[in-house]
PDBML (XML) file of the C-alpha atoms, coordinates in Angstrom:
<?xml version="1.0" encoding="UTF-8" ?>
<PDBx:datablock datablockName="MODEL"
   xmlns:PDBx="http://pdbml.pdb.org/schema/pdbx-v50.xsd"
   xmlns:xsi="http://www.w3.org/2001/XMLSchema-instance"
   xsi:schemaLocation="http://pdbml.pdb.org/schema/pdbx-v50.xsd pdbx-v50.xsd">
   <PDBx:atom_siteCategory>
      <PDBx:atom_site id="1">
         <PDBx:B_iso_or_equiv>0.00</PDBx:B_iso_or_equiv>
         <PDBx:Cartn_x>0.000</PDBx:Cartn_x>
         <PDBx:Cartn_y>0.000</PDBx:Cartn_y>
         <PDBx:Cartn_z>0.000</PDBx:Cartn_z>
         <PDBx:auth_asym_id>A</PDBx:auth_asym_id>
         <PDBx:auth_atom_id>CA</PDBx:auth_atom_id>
         <PDBx:auth_comp_id>ASN</PDBx:auth_comp_id>
         <PDBx:auth_seq_id>1</PDBx:auth_seq_id>
         <PDBx:group_PDB>ATOM</PDBx:group_PDB>
         <PDBx:label_alt_id xsi:nil="true" />
         <PDBx:label_asym_id>A</PDBx:label_asym_id>
         <PDBx:label_atom_id>CA</PDBx:label_atom_id>
         <PDBx:label_comp_id>ASN</PDBx:label_comp_id>
         <PDBx:label_entity_id>1</PDBx:label_entity_id>
         <PDBx:label_seq_id>1</PDBx:label_seq_id>
         <PDBx:occupancy>1.00</PDBx:occupancy>
         <PDBx:pdbx_PDB_model_num>1</PDBx:pdbx_PDB_model_num>
         <PDBx:type_symbol>C</PDBx:type_symbol>
      </PDBx:atom_site>
      <PDBx:atom_site id="2">
         <PDBx:B_iso_or_equiv>0.00</PDBx:B_iso_or_equiv>
         <PDBx:Cartn_x>1.942</PDBx:Cartn_x>
         <PDBx:Cartn_y>3.022</PDBx:Cartn_y>
         <PDBx:Cartn_z>-1.260</PDBx:Cartn_z>
         <PDBx:auth_asym_id>A</PDBx:auth_asym_id>
         <PDBx:auth_atom_id>CA</PDBx:auth_atom_id>
         <PDBx:auth_comp_id>LEU</PDBx:auth_comp_id>
         <PDBx:auth_seq_id>2</PDBx:auth_seq_id>
         <PDBx:group_PDB>ATOM</PDBx:group_PDB>
         <PDBx:label_alt_id xsi:nil="true" />
         <PDBx:label_asym_id>A</PDBx:label_asym_id>
         <PDBx:label_atom_id>CA</PDBx:label_atom_id>
         <PDBx:label_comp_id>LEU</PDBx:label_comp_id>
         <PDBx:label_entity_id>1</PDBx:label_entity_id>
         <PDBx:label_seq_id>2</PDBx:label_seq_id>
         <PDBx:occupancy>1.00</PDBx:occupancy>
         <PDBx:pdbx_PDB_model_num>1</PDBx:pdbx_PDB_model_num>
         <PDBx:type_symbol>C</PDBx:type_symbol>
      </PDBx:atom_site>
      <PDBx:atom_site id="3">
         <PDBx:B_iso_or_equiv>0.00</PDBx:B_iso_or_equiv>
         <PDBx:Cartn_x>-0.340</PDBx:Cartn_x>
         <PDBx:Cartn_y>5.360</PDBx:Cartn_y>
         <PDBx:Cartn_z>0.679</PDBx:Cartn_z>
         <PDBx:auth_asym_id>A</PDBx:auth_asym_id>
         <PDBx:auth_atom_id>CA</PDBx:auth_atom_id>
         <PDBx:auth_comp_id>ASN</PDBx:auth_comp_id>
         <PDBx:auth_seq_id>3</PDBx:auth_seq_id>
         <PDBx:group_PDB>ATOM</PDBx:group_PDB>
         <PDBx:label_alt_id xsi:nil="true" />
         <PDBx:label_asym_id>A</PDBx:label_asym_id>
         <PDBx:label_atom_id>CA</PDBx:label_atom_id>
         <PDBx:label_comp_id>ASN</PDBx:label_comp_id>
         <PDBx:label_entity_id>1</PDBx:label_entity_id>
         <PDBx:label_seq_id>3</PDBx:label_seq_id>
         <PDBx:occupancy>1.00</PDBx:occupancy>
         <PDBx:pdbx_PDB_model_num>1</PDBx:pdbx_PDB_model_num>
         <PDBx:type_symbol>C</PDBx:type_symbol>
      </PDBx:atom_site>
      <PDBx:atom_site id="4">
         <PDBx:B_iso_or_equiv>0.00</PDBx:B_iso_or_equiv>
         <PDBx:Cartn_x>0.544</PDBx:Cartn_x>
         <PDBx:Cartn_y>3.616</PDBx:Cartn_y>
         <PDBx:Cartn_z>3.932</PDBx:Cartn_z>
         <PDBx:auth_asym_id>A</PDBx:auth_asym_id>
         <PDBx:auth_atom_id>CA</PDBx:auth_atom_id>
         <PDBx:auth_comp_id>GLY</PDBx:auth_comp_id>
         <PDBx:auth_seq_id>4</PDBx:auth_seq_id>
         <PDBx:group_PDB>ATOM</PDBx:group_PDB>
         <PDBx:label_alt_id xsi:nil="true" />
         <PDBx:label_asym_id>A</PDBx:label_asym_id>
         <PDBx:label_atom_id>CA</PDBx:label_atom_id>
         <PDBx:label_comp_id>GLY</PDBx:label_comp_id>
         <PDBx:label_entity_id>1</PDBx:label_entity_id>
         <PDBx:label_seq_id>4</PDBx:label_seq_id>
         <PDBx:occupancy>1.00</PDBx:occupancy>
         <PDBx:pdbx_PDB_model_num>1</PDBx:pdbx_PDB_model_num>
         <PDBx:type_symbol>C</PDBx:type_symbol>
      </PDBx:atom_site>
      <PDBx:atom_site id="5">
         <PDBx:B_iso_or_equiv>0.00</PDBx:B_iso_or_equiv>
         <PDBx:Cartn_x>4.360</PDBx:Cartn_x>
         <PDBx:Cartn_y>3.807</PDBx:Cartn_y>
         <PDBx:Cartn_z>3.869</PDBx:Cartn_z>
         <PDBx:auth_asym_id>A</PDBx:auth_asym_id>
         <PDBx:auth_atom_id>CA</PDBx:auth_atom_id>
         <PDBx:auth_comp_id>ILE</PDBx:auth_comp_id>
         <PDBx:auth_seq_id>5</PDBx:auth_seq_id>
         <PDBx:group_PDB>ATOM</PDBx:group_PDB>
         <PDBx:label_alt_id xsi:nil="true" />
         <PDBx:label_asym_id>A</PDBx:label_asym_id>
         <PDBx:label_atom_id>CA</PDBx:label_atom_id>
         <PDBx:label_comp_id>ILE</PDBx:label_comp_id>
         <PDBx:label_entity_id>1</PDBx:label_entity_id>
         <PDBx:label_seq_id>5</PDBx:label_seq_id>
         <PDBx:occupancy>1.00</PDBx:occupancy>
         <PDBx:pdbx_PDB_model_num>1</PDBx:pdbx_PDB_model_num>
         <PDBx:type_symbol>C</PDBx:type_symbol>
      </PDBx:atom_site>
      <PDBx:atom_site id="6">
         <PDBx:B_iso_or_equiv>0.00</PDBx:B_iso_or_equiv>
         <PDBx:Cartn_x>5.518</PDBx:Cartn_x>
         <PDBx:Cartn_y>5.260</PDBx:Cartn_y>
         <PDBx:Cartn_z>7.160</PDBx:Cartn_z>
         <PDBx:auth_asym_id>A</PDBx:auth_asym_id>
         <PDBx:auth_atom_id>CA</PDBx:auth_atom_id>
         <PDBx:auth_comp_id>GLU</PDBx:auth_comp_id>
         <PDBx:auth_seq_id>6</PDBx:auth_seq_id>
         <PDBx:group_PDB>ATOM</PDBx:group_PDB>
         <PDBx:label_alt_id xsi:nil="true" />
         <PDBx:label_asym_id>A</PDBx:label_asym_id>
         <PDBx:label_atom_id>CA</PDBx:label_atom_id>
         <PDBx:label_comp_id>GLU</PDBx:label_comp_id>
         <PDBx:label_entity_id>1</PDBx:label_entity_id>
         <PDBx:label_seq_id>6</PDBx:label_seq_id>
         <PDBx:occupancy>1.00</PDBx:occupancy>
         <PDBx:pdbx_PDB_model_num>1</PDBx:pdbx_PDB_model_num>
         <PDBx:type_symbol>C</PDBx:type_symbol>
      </PDBx:atom_site>
      <PDBx:atom_site id="7">
         <PDBx:B_iso_or_equiv>0.00</PDBx:B_iso_or_equiv>
         <PDBx:Cartn_x>7.874</PDBx:Cartn_x>
         <PDBx:Cartn_y>8.192</PDBx:Cartn_y>
         <PDBx:Cartn_z>6.941</PDBx:Cartn_z>
         <PDBx:auth_asym_id>A</PDBx:auth_asym_id>
         <PDBx:auth_atom_id>CA</PDBx:auth_atom_id>
         <PDBx:auth_comp_id>VAL</PDBx:auth_comp_id>
         <PDBx:auth_seq_id>7</PDBx:auth_seq_id>
         <PDBx:group_PDB>ATOM</PDBx:group_PDB>
         <PDBx:label_alt_id xsi:nil="true" />
         <PDBx:label_asym_id>A</PDBx:label_asym_id>
         <PDBx:label_atom_id>CA</PDBx:label_atom_id>
         <PDBx:label_comp_id>VAL</PDBx:label_comp_id>
         <PDBx:label_entity_id>1</PDBx:label_entity_id>
         <PDBx:label_seq_id>7</PDBx:label_seq_id>
         <PDBx:occupancy>1.00</PDBx:occupancy>
         <PDBx:pdbx_PDB_model_num>1</PDBx:pdbx_PDB_model_num>
         <PDBx:type_symbol>C</PDBx:type_symbol>
      </PDBx:atom_site>
      <PDBx:atom_site id="8">
         <PDBx:B_iso_or_equiv>0.00</PDBx:B_iso_or_equiv>
         <PDBx:Cartn_x>11.397</PDBx:Cartn_x>
         <PDBx:Cartn_y>7.322</PDBx:Cartn_y>
         <PDBx:Cartn_z>7.999</PDBx:Cartn_z>
         <PDBx:auth_asym_id>A</PDBx:auth_asym_id>
         <PDBx:auth_atom_id>CA</PDBx:auth_atom_id>
         <PDBx:auth_comp_id>GLY</PDBx:auth_comp_id>
         <PDBx:auth_seq_id>8</PDBx:auth_seq_id>
         <PDBx:group_PDB>ATOM</PDBx:group_PDB>
         <PDBx:label_alt_id xsi:nil="true" />
         <PDBx:label_asym_id>A</PDBx:label_asym_id>
         <PDBx:label_atom_id>CA</PDBx:label_atom_id>
         <PDBx:label_comp_id>GLY</PDBx:label_comp_id>
         <PDBx:label_entity_id>1</PDBx:label_entity_id>
         <PDBx:label_seq_id>8</PDBx:label_seq_id>
         <PDBx:occupancy>1.00</PDBx:occupancy>
         <PDBx:pdbx_PDB_model_num>1</PDBx:pdbx_PDB_model_num>
         <PDBx:type_symbol>C</PDBx:type_symbol>
      </PDBx:atom_site>
      <PDBx:atom_site id="9">
         <PDBx:B_iso_or_equiv>0.00</PDBx:B_iso_or_equiv>
         <PDBx:Cartn_x>14.455</PDBx:Cartn_x>
         <PDBx:Cartn_y>6.483</PDBx:Cartn_y>
         <PDBx:Cartn_z>5.954</PDBx:Cartn_z>
         <PDBx:auth_asym_id>A</PDBx:auth_asym_id>
         <PDBx:auth_atom_id>CA</PDBx:auth_atom_id>
         <PDBx:auth_comp_id>LYS</PDBx:auth_comp_id>
         <PDBx:auth_seq_id>9</PDBx:auth_seq_id>
         <PDBx:group_PDB>ATOM</PDBx:group_PDB>
         <PDBx:label_alt_id xsi:nil="true" />
         <PDBx:label_asym_id>A</PDBx:label_asym_id>
         <PDBx:label_atom_id>CA</PDBx:label_atom_id>
         <PDBx:label_comp_id>LYS</PDBx:label_comp_id>
         <PDBx:label_entity_id>1</PDBx:label_entity_id>
         <PDBx:label_seq_id>9</PDBx:label_seq_id>
         <PDBx:occupancy>1.00</PDBx:occupancy>
         <PDBx:pdbx_PDB_model_num>1</PDBx:pdbx_PDB_model_num>
         <PDBx:type_symbol>C</PDBx:type_symbol>
      </PDBx:atom_site>
      <PDBx:atom_site id="10">
         <PDBx:B_iso_or_equiv>0.00</PDBx:B_iso_or_equiv>
         <PDBx:Cartn_x>14.071</PDBx:Cartn_x>
         <PDBx:Cartn_y>6.838</PDBx:Cartn_y>
         <PDBx:Cartn_z>2.144</PDBx:Cartn_z>
         <PDBx:auth_asym_id>A</PDBx:auth_asym_id>
         <PDBx:auth_atom_id>CA</PDBx:auth_atom_id>
         <PDBx:auth_comp_id>PRO</PDBx:auth_comp_id>
         <PDBx:auth_seq_id>10</PDBx:auth_seq_id>
         <PDBx:group_PDB>ATOM</PDBx:group_PDB>
         <PDBx:label_alt_id xsi:nil="true" />
         <PDBx:label_asym_id>A</PDBx:label_asym_id>
         <PDBx:label_atom_id>CA</PDBx:label_atom_id>
         <PDBx:label_comp_id>PRO</PDBx:label_comp_id>
         <PDBx:label_entity_id>1</PDBx:label_entity_id>
         <PDBx:label_seq_id>10</PDBx:label_seq_id>
         <PDBx:occupancy>1.00</PDBx:occupancy>
         <PDBx:pdbx_PDB_model_num>1</PDBx:pdbx_PDB_model_num>
         <PDBx:type_symbol>C</PDBx:type_symbol>
      </PDBx:atom_site>
      <PDBx:atom_site id="11">
         <PDBx:B_iso_or_equiv>0.00</PDBx:B_iso_or_equiv>
         <PDBx:Cartn_x>11.687</PDBx:Cartn_x>
         <PDBx:Cartn_y>4.167</PDBx:Cartn_y>
         <PDBx:Cartn_z>0.854</PDBx:Cartn_z>
         <PDBx:auth_asym_id>A</PDBx:auth_asym_id>
         <PDBx:auth_atom_id>CA</PDBx:auth_atom_id>
         <PDBx:auth_comp_id>ALA</PDBx:auth_comp_id>
         <PDBx:auth_seq_id>11</PDBx:auth_seq_id>
         <PDBx:group_PDB>ATOM</PDBx:group_PDB>
         <PDBx:label_alt_id xsi:nil="true" />
         <PDBx:label_asym_id>A</PDBx:label_asym_id>
         <PDBx:label_atom_id>CA</PDBx:label_atom_id>
         <PDBx:label_comp_id>ALA</PDBx:label_comp_id>
         <PDBx:label_entity_id>1</PDBx:label_entity_id>
         <PDBx:label_seq_id>11</PDBx:label_seq_id>
         <PDBx:occupancy>1.00</PDBx:occupancy>
         <PDBx:pdbx_PDB_model_num>1</PDBx:pdbx_PDB_model_num>
         <PDBx:type_symbol>C</PDBx:type_symbol>
      </PDBx:atom_site>
      <PDBx:atom_site id="12">
         <PDBx:B_iso_or_equiv>0.00</PDBx:B_iso_or_equiv>
         <PDBx:Cartn_x>11.914</PDBx:Cartn_x>
         <PDBx:Cartn_y>2.416</PDBx:Cartn_y>
         <PDBx:Cartn_z>-2.523</PDBx:Cartn_z>
         <PDBx:auth_asym_id>A</PDBx:auth_asym_id>
         <PDBx:auth_atom_id>CA</PDBx:auth_atom_id>
         <PDBx:auth_comp_id>PHE</PDBx:auth_comp_id>
         <PDBx:auth_seq_id>12</PDBx:auth_seq_id>
         <PDBx:group_PDB>ATOM</PDBx:group_PDB>
         <PDBx:label_alt_id xsi:nil="true" />
         <PDBx:label_asym_id>A</PDBx:label_asym_id>
         <PDBx:label_atom_id>CA</PDBx:label_atom_id>
         <PDBx:label_comp_id>PHE</PDBx:label_comp_id>
         <PDBx:label_entity_id>1</PDBx:label_entity_id>
         <PDBx:label_seq_id>12</PDBx:label_seq_id>
         <PDBx:occupancy>1.00</PDBx:occupancy>
         <PDBx:pdbx_PDB_model_num>1</PDBx:pdbx_PDB_model_num>
         <PDBx:type_symbol>C</PDBx:type_symbol>
      </PDBx:atom_site>
      <PDBx:atom_site id="13">
         <PDBx:B_iso_or_equiv>0.00</PDBx:B_iso_or_equiv>
         <PDBx:Cartn_x>9.309</PDBx:Cartn_x>
         <PDBx:Cartn_y>0.310</PDBx:Cartn_y>
         <PDBx:Cartn_z>-4.339</PDBx:Cartn_z>
         <PDBx:auth_asym_id>A</PDBx:auth_asym_id>
         <PDBx:auth_atom_id>CA</PDBx:auth_atom_id>
         <PDBx:auth_comp_id>VAL</PDBx:auth_comp_id>
         <PDBx:auth_seq_id>13</PDBx:auth_seq_id>
         <PDBx:group_PDB>ATOM</PDBx:group_PDB>
         <PDBx:label_alt_id xsi:nil="true" />
         <PDBx:label_asym_id>A</PDBx:label_asym_id>
         <PDBx:label_atom_id>CA</PDBx:label_atom_id>
         <PDBx:label_comp_id>VAL</PDBx:label_comp_id>
         <PDBx:label_entity_id>1</PDBx:label_entity_id>
         <PDBx:label_seq_id>13</PDBx:label_seq_id>
         <PDBx:occupancy>1.00</PDBx:occupancy>
         <PDBx:pdbx_PDB_model_num>1</PDBx:pdbx_PDB_model_num>
         <PDBx:type_symbol>C</PDBx:type_symbol>
      </PDBx:atom_site>
      <PDBx:atom_site id="14">
         <PDBx:B_iso_or_equiv>0.00</PDBx:B_iso_or_equiv>
         <PDBx:Cartn_x>10.095</PDBx:Cartn_x>
         <PDBx:Cartn_y>-1.149</PDBx:Cartn_y>
         <PDBx:Cartn_z>-7.772</PDBx:Cartn_z>
         <PDBx:auth_asym_id>A</PDBx:auth_asym_id>
         <PDBx:auth_atom_id>CA</PDBx:auth_atom_id>
         <PDBx:auth_comp_id>TRP</PDBx:auth_comp_id>
         <PDBx:auth_seq_id>14</PDBx:auth_seq_id>
         <PDBx:group_PDB>ATOM</PDBx:group_PDB>
         <PDBx:label_alt_id xsi:nil="true" />
         <PDBx:label_asym_id>A</PDBx:label_asym_id>
         <PDBx:label_atom_id>CA</PDBx:label_atom_id>
         <PDBx:label_comp_id>TRP</PDBx:label_comp_id>
         <PDBx:label_entity_id>1</PDBx:label_entity_id>
         <PDBx:label_seq_id>14</PDBx:label_seq_id>
         <PDBx:occupancy>1.00</PDBx:occupancy>
         <PDBx:pdbx_PDB_model_num>1</PDBx:pdbx_PDB_model_num>
         <PDBx:type_symbol>C</PDBx:type_symbol>
      </PDBx:atom_site>
      <PDBx:atom_site id="15">
         <PDBx:B_iso_or_equiv>0.00</PDBx:B_iso_or_equiv>
         <PDBx:Cartn_x>7.425</PDBx:Cartn_x>
         <PDBx:Cartn_y>-1.892</PDBx:Cartn_y>
         <PDBx:Cartn_z>-10.369</PDBx:Cartn_z>
         <PDBx:auth_asym_id>A</PDBx:auth_asym_id>
         <PDBx:auth_atom_id>CA</PDBx:auth_atom_id>
         <PDBx:auth_comp_id>PHE</PDBx:auth_comp_id>
         <PDBx:auth_seq_id>15</PDBx:auth_seq_id>
         <PDBx:group_PDB>ATOM</PDBx:group_PDB>
         <PDBx:label_alt_id xsi:nil="true" />
         <PDBx:label_asym_id>A</PDBx:label_asym_id>
         <PDBx:label_atom_id>CA</PDBx:label_atom_id>
         <PDBx:label_comp_id>PHE</PDBx:label_comp_id>
         <PDBx:label_entity_id>1</PDBx:label_entity_id>
         <PDBx:label_seq_id>15</PDBx:label_seq_id>
         <PDBx:occupancy>1.00</PDBx:occupancy>
         <PDBx:pdbx_PDB_model_num>1</PDBx:pdbx_PDB_model_num>
         <PDBx:type_symbol>C</PDBx:type_symbol>
      </PDBx:atom_site>
      <PDBx:atom_site id="16">
         <PDBx:B_iso_or_equiv>0.00</PDBx:B_iso_or_equiv>
         <PDBx:Cartn_x>9.658</PDBx:Cartn_x>
         <PDBx:Cartn_y>-3.898</PDBx:Cartn_y>
         <PDBx:Cartn_z>-12.724</PDBx:Cartn_z>
         <PDBx:auth_asym_id>A</PDBx:auth_asym_id>
         <PDBx:auth_atom_id>CA</PDBx:auth_atom_id>
         <PDBx:auth_comp_id>GLY</PDBx:auth_comp_id>
         <PDBx:auth_seq_id>16</PDBx:auth_seq_id>
         <PDBx:group_PDB>ATOM</PDBx:group_PDB>
         <PDBx:label_alt_id xsi:nil="true" />
         <PDBx:label_asym_id>A</PDBx:label_asym_id>
         <PDBx:label_atom_id>CA</PDBx:label_atom_id>
         <PDBx:label_comp_id>GLY</PDBx:label_comp_id>
         <PDBx:label_entity_id>1</PDBx:label_entity_id>
         <PDBx:label_seq_id>16</PDBx:label_seq_id>
         <PDBx:occupancy>1.00</PDBx:occupancy>
         <PDBx:pdbx_PDB_model_num>1</PDBx:pdbx_PDB_model_num>
         <PDBx:type_symbol>C</PDBx:type_symbol>
      </PDBx:atom_site>
      <PDBx:atom_site id="17">
         <PDBx:B_iso_or_equiv>0.00</PDBx:B_iso_or_equiv>
         <PDBx:Cartn_x>11.905</PDBx:Cartn_x>
         <PDBx:Cartn_y>-2.652</PDBx:Cartn_y>
         <PDBx:Cartn_z>-15.531</PDBx:Cartn_z>
         <PDBx:auth_asym_id>A</PDBx:auth_asym_id>
         <PDBx:auth_atom_id>CA</PDBx:auth_atom_id>
         <PDBx:auth_comp_id>HIS</PDBx:auth_comp_id>
         <PDBx:auth_seq_id>17</PDBx:auth_seq_id>
         <PDBx:group_PDB>ATOM</PDBx:group_PDB>
         <PDBx:label_alt_id xsi:nil="true" />
         <PDBx:label_asym_id>A</PDBx:label_asym_id>
         <PDBx:label_atom_id>CA</PDBx:label_atom_id>
         <PDBx:label_comp_id>HIS</PDBx:label_comp_id>
         <PDBx:label_entity_id>1</PDBx:label_entity_id>
         <PDBx:label_seq_id>17</PDBx:label_seq_id>
         <PDBx:occupancy>1.00</PDBx:occupancy>
         <PDBx:pdbx_PDB_model_num>1</PDBx:pdbx_PDB_model_num>
         <PDBx:type_symbol>C</PDBx:type_symbol>
      </PDBx:atom_site>
      <PDBx:atom_site id="18">
         <PDBx:B_iso_or_equiv>0.00</PDBx:B_iso_or_equiv>
         <PDBx:Cartn_x>12.841</PDBx:Cartn_x>
         <PDBx:Cartn_y>1.001</PDBx:Cartn_y>
         <PDBx:Cartn_z>-14.772</PDBx:Cartn_z>
         <PDBx:auth_asym_id>A</PDBx:auth_asym_id>
         <PDBx:auth_atom_id>CA</PDBx:auth_atom_id>
         <PDBx:auth_comp_id>SER</PDBx:auth_comp_id>
         <PDBx:auth_seq_id>18</PDBx:auth_seq_id>
         <PDBx:group_PDB>ATOM</PDBx:group_PDB>
         <PDBx:label_alt_id xsi:nil="true" />
         <PDBx:label_asym_id>A</PDBx:label_asym_id>
         <PDBx:label_atom_id>CA</PDBx:label_atom_id>
         <PDBx:label_comp_id>SER</PDBx:label_comp_id>
         <PDBx:label_entity_id>1</PDBx:label_entity_id>
         <PDBx:label_seq_id>18</PDBx:label_seq_id>
         <PDBx:occupancy>1.00</PDBx:occupancy>
         <PDBx:pdbx_PDB_model_num>1</PDBx:pdbx_PDB_model_num>
         <PDBx:type_symbol>C</PDBx:type_symbol>
      </PDBx:atom_site>
      <PDBx:atom_site id="19">
         <PDBx:B_iso_or_equiv>0.00</PDBx:B_iso_or_equiv>
         <PDBx:Cartn_x>9.669</PDBx:Cartn_x>
         <PDBx:Cartn_y>2.154</PDBx:Cartn_y>
         <PDBx:Cartn_z>-13.015</PDBx:Cartn_z>
         <PDBx:auth_asym_id>A</PDBx:auth_asym_id>
         <PDBx:auth_atom_id>CA</PDBx:auth_atom_id>
         <PDBx:auth_comp_id>SER</PDBx:auth_comp_id>
         <PDBx:auth_seq_id>19</PDBx:auth_seq_id>
         <PDBx:group_PDB>ATOM</PDBx:group_PDB>
         <PDBx:label_alt_id xsi:nil="true" />
         <PDBx:label_asym_id>A</PDBx:label_asym_id>
         <PDBx:label_atom_id>CA</PDBx:label_atom_id>
         <PDBx:label_comp_id>SER</PDBx:label_comp_id>
         <PDBx:label_entity_id>1</PDBx:label_entity_id>
         <PDBx:label_seq_id>19</PDBx:label_seq_id>
         <PDBx:occupancy>1.00</PDBx:occupancy>
         <PDBx:pdbx_PDB_model_num>1</PDBx:pdbx_PDB_model_num>
         <PDBx:type_symbol>C</PDBx:type_symbol>
      </PDBx:atom_site>
      <PDBx:atom_site id="20">
         <PDBx:B_iso_or_equiv>0.00</PDBx:B_iso_or_equiv>
         <PDBx:Cartn_x>9.907</PDBx:Cartn_x>
         <PDBx:Cartn_y>2.861</PDBx:Cartn_y>
         <PDBx:Cartn_z>-9.299</PDBx:Cartn_z>
         <PDBx:auth_asym_id>A</PDBx:auth_asym_id>
         <PDBx:auth_atom_id>CA</PDBx:auth_atom_id>
         <PDBx:auth_comp_id>TYR</PDBx:auth_comp_id>
         <PDBx:auth_seq_id>20</PDBx:auth_seq_id>
         <PDBx:group_PDB>ATOM</PDBx:group_PDB>
         <PDBx:label_alt_id xsi:nil="true" />
         <PDBx:label_asym_id>A</PDBx:label_asym_id>
         <PDBx:label_atom_id>CA</PDBx:label_atom_id>
         <PDBx:label_comp_id>TYR</PDBx:label_comp_id>
         <PDBx:label_entity_id>1</PDBx:label_entity_id>
         <PDBx:label_seq_id>20</PDBx:label_seq_id>
         <PDBx:occupancy>1.00</PDBx:occupancy>
         <PDBx:pdbx_PDB_model_num>1</PDBx:pdbx_PDB_model_num>
         <PDBx:type_symbol>C</PDBx:type_symbol>
      </PDBx:atom_site>
      <PDBx:atom_site id="21">
         <PDBx:B_iso_or_equiv>0.00</PDBx:B_iso_or_equiv>
         <PDBx:Cartn_x>8.531</PDBx:Cartn_x>
         <PDBx:Cartn_y>4.922</PDBx:Cartn_y>
         <PDBx:Cartn_z>-6.445</PDBx:Cartn_z>
         <PDBx:auth_asym_id>A</PDBx:auth_asym_id>
         <PDBx:auth_atom_id>CA</PDBx:auth_atom_id>
         <PDBx:auth_comp_id>PHE</PDBx:auth_comp_id>
         <PDBx:auth_seq_id>21</PDBx:auth_seq_id>
         <PDBx:group_PDB>ATOM</PDBx:group_PDB>
         <PDBx:label_alt_id xsi:nil="true" />
         <PDBx:label_asym_id>A</PDBx:label_asym_id>
         <PDBx:label_atom_id>CA</PDBx:label_atom_id>
         <PDBx:label_comp_id>PHE</PDBx:label_comp_id>
         <PDBx:label_entity_id>1</PDBx:label_entity_id>
         <PDBx:label_seq_id>21</PDBx:label_seq_id>
         <PDBx:occupancy>1.00</PDBx:occupancy>
         <PDBx:pdbx_PDB_model_num>1</PDBx:pdbx_PDB_model_num>
         <PDBx:type_symbol>C</PDBx:type_symbol>
      </PDBx:atom_site>
      <PDBx:atom_site id="22">
         <PDBx:B_iso_or_equiv>0.00</PDBx:B_iso_or_equiv>
         <PDBx:Cartn_x>10.534</PDBx:Cartn_x>
         <PDBx:Cartn_y>6.807</PDBx:Cartn_y>
         <PDBx:Cartn_z>-3.811</PDBx:Cartn_z>
         <PDBx:auth_asym_id>A</PDBx:auth_asym_id>
         <PDBx:auth_atom_id>CA</PDBx:auth_atom_id>
         <PDBx:auth_comp_id>LEU</PDBx:auth_comp_id>
         <PDBx:auth_seq_id>22</PDBx:auth_seq_id>
         <PDBx:group_PDB>ATOM</PDBx:group_PDB>
         <PDBx:label_alt_id xsi:nil="true" />
         <PDBx:label_asym_id>A</PDBx:label_asym_id>
         <PDBx:label_atom_id>CA</PDBx:label_atom_id>
         <PDBx:label_comp_id>LEU</PDBx:label_comp_id>
         <PDBx:label_entity_id>1</PDBx:label_entity_id>
         <PDBx:label_seq_id>22</PDBx:label_seq_id>
         <PDBx:occupancy>1.00</PDBx:occupancy>
         <PDBx:pdbx_PDB_model_num>1</PDBx:pdbx_PDB_model_num>
         <PDBx:type_symbol>C</PDBx:type_symbol>
      </PDBx:atom_site>
      <PDBx:atom_site id="23">
         <PDBx:B_iso_or_equiv>0.00</PDBx:B_iso_or_equiv>
         <PDBx:Cartn_x>9.283</PDBx:Cartn_x>
         <PDBx:Cartn_y>8.355</PDBx:Cartn_y>
         <PDBx:Cartn_z>-0.600</PDBx:Cartn_z>
         <PDBx:auth_asym_id>A</PDBx:auth_asym_id>
         <PDBx:auth_atom_id>CA</PDBx:auth_atom_id>
         <PDBx:auth_comp_id>LYS</PDBx:auth_comp_id>
         <PDBx:auth_seq_id>23</PDBx:auth_seq_id>
         <PDBx:group_PDB>ATOM</PDBx:group_PDB>
         <PDBx:label_alt_id xsi:nil="true" />
         <PDBx:label_asym_id>A</PDBx:label_asym_id>
         <PDBx:label_atom_id>CA</PDBx:label_atom_id>
         <PDBx:label_comp_id>LYS</PDBx:label_comp_id>
         <PDBx:label_entity_id>1</PDBx:label_entity_id>
         <PDBx:label_seq_id>23</PDBx:label_seq_id>
         <PDBx:occupancy>1.00</PDBx:occupancy>
         <PDBx:pdbx_PDB_model_num>1</PDBx:pdbx_PDB_model_num>
         <PDBx:type_symbol>C</PDBx:type_symbol>
      </PDBx:atom_site>
      <PDBx:atom_site id="24">
         <PDBx:B_iso_or_equiv>0.00</PDBx:B_iso_or_equiv>
         <PDBx:Cartn_x>11.662</PDBx:Cartn_x>
         <PDBx:Cartn_y>10.556</PDBx:Cartn_y>
         <PDBx:Cartn_z>1.357</PDBx:Cartn_z>
         <PDBx:auth_asym_id>A</PDBx:auth_asym_id>
         <PDBx:auth_atom_id>CA</PDBx:auth_atom_id>
         <PDBx:auth_comp_id>ILE</PDBx:auth_comp_id>
         <PDBx:auth_seq_id>24</PDBx:auth_seq_id>
         <PDBx:group_PDB>ATOM</PDBx:group_PDB>
         <PDBx:label_alt_id xsi:nil="true" />
         <PDBx:label_asym_id>A</PDBx:label_asym_id>
         <PDBx:label_atom_id>CA</PDBx:label_atom_id>
         <PDBx:label_comp_id>ILE</PDBx:label_comp_id>
         <PDBx:label_entity_id>1</PDBx:label_entity_id>
         <PDBx:label_seq_id>24</PDBx:label_seq_id>
         <PDBx:occupancy>1.00</PDBx:occupancy>
         <PDBx:pdbx_PDB_model_num>1</PDBx:pdbx_PDB_model_num>
         <PDBx:type_symbol>C</PDBx:type_symbol>
      </PDBx:atom_site>
      <PDBx:atom_site id="25">
         <PDBx:B_iso_or_equiv>0.00</PDBx:B_iso_or_equiv>
         <PDBx:Cartn_x>10.147</PDBx:Cartn_x>
         <PDBx:Cartn_y>12.134</PDBx:Cartn_y>
         <PDBx:Cartn_z>4.469</PDBx:Cartn_z>
         <PDBx:auth_asym_id>A</PDBx:auth_asym_id>
         <PDBx:auth_atom_id>CA</PDBx:auth_atom_id>
         <PDBx:auth_comp_id>LYS</PDBx:auth_comp_id>
         <PDBx:auth_seq_id>25</PDBx:auth_seq_id>
         <PDBx:group_PDB>ATOM</PDBx:group_PDB>
         <PDBx:label_alt_id xsi:nil="true" />
         <PDBx:label_asym_id>A</PDBx:label_asym_id>
         <PDBx:label_atom_id>CA</PDBx:label_atom_id>
         <PDBx:label_comp_id>LYS</PDBx:label_comp_id>
         <PDBx:label_entity_id>1</PDBx:label_entity_id>
         <PDBx:label_seq_id>25</PDBx:label_seq_id>
         <PDBx:occupancy>1.00</PDBx:occupancy>
         <PDBx:pdbx_PDB_model_num>1</PDBx:pdbx_PDB_model_num>
         <PDBx:type_symbol>C</PDBx:type_symbol>
      </PDBx:atom_site>
   </PDBx:atom_siteCategory>
</PDBx:datablock>
């Protein structure tokens, strides 16, 4: 659940190939 990632250290979620999501703070 990308809406539910708790803020902390930089977070990374990969969607395959070169697509990915980062959450920092």
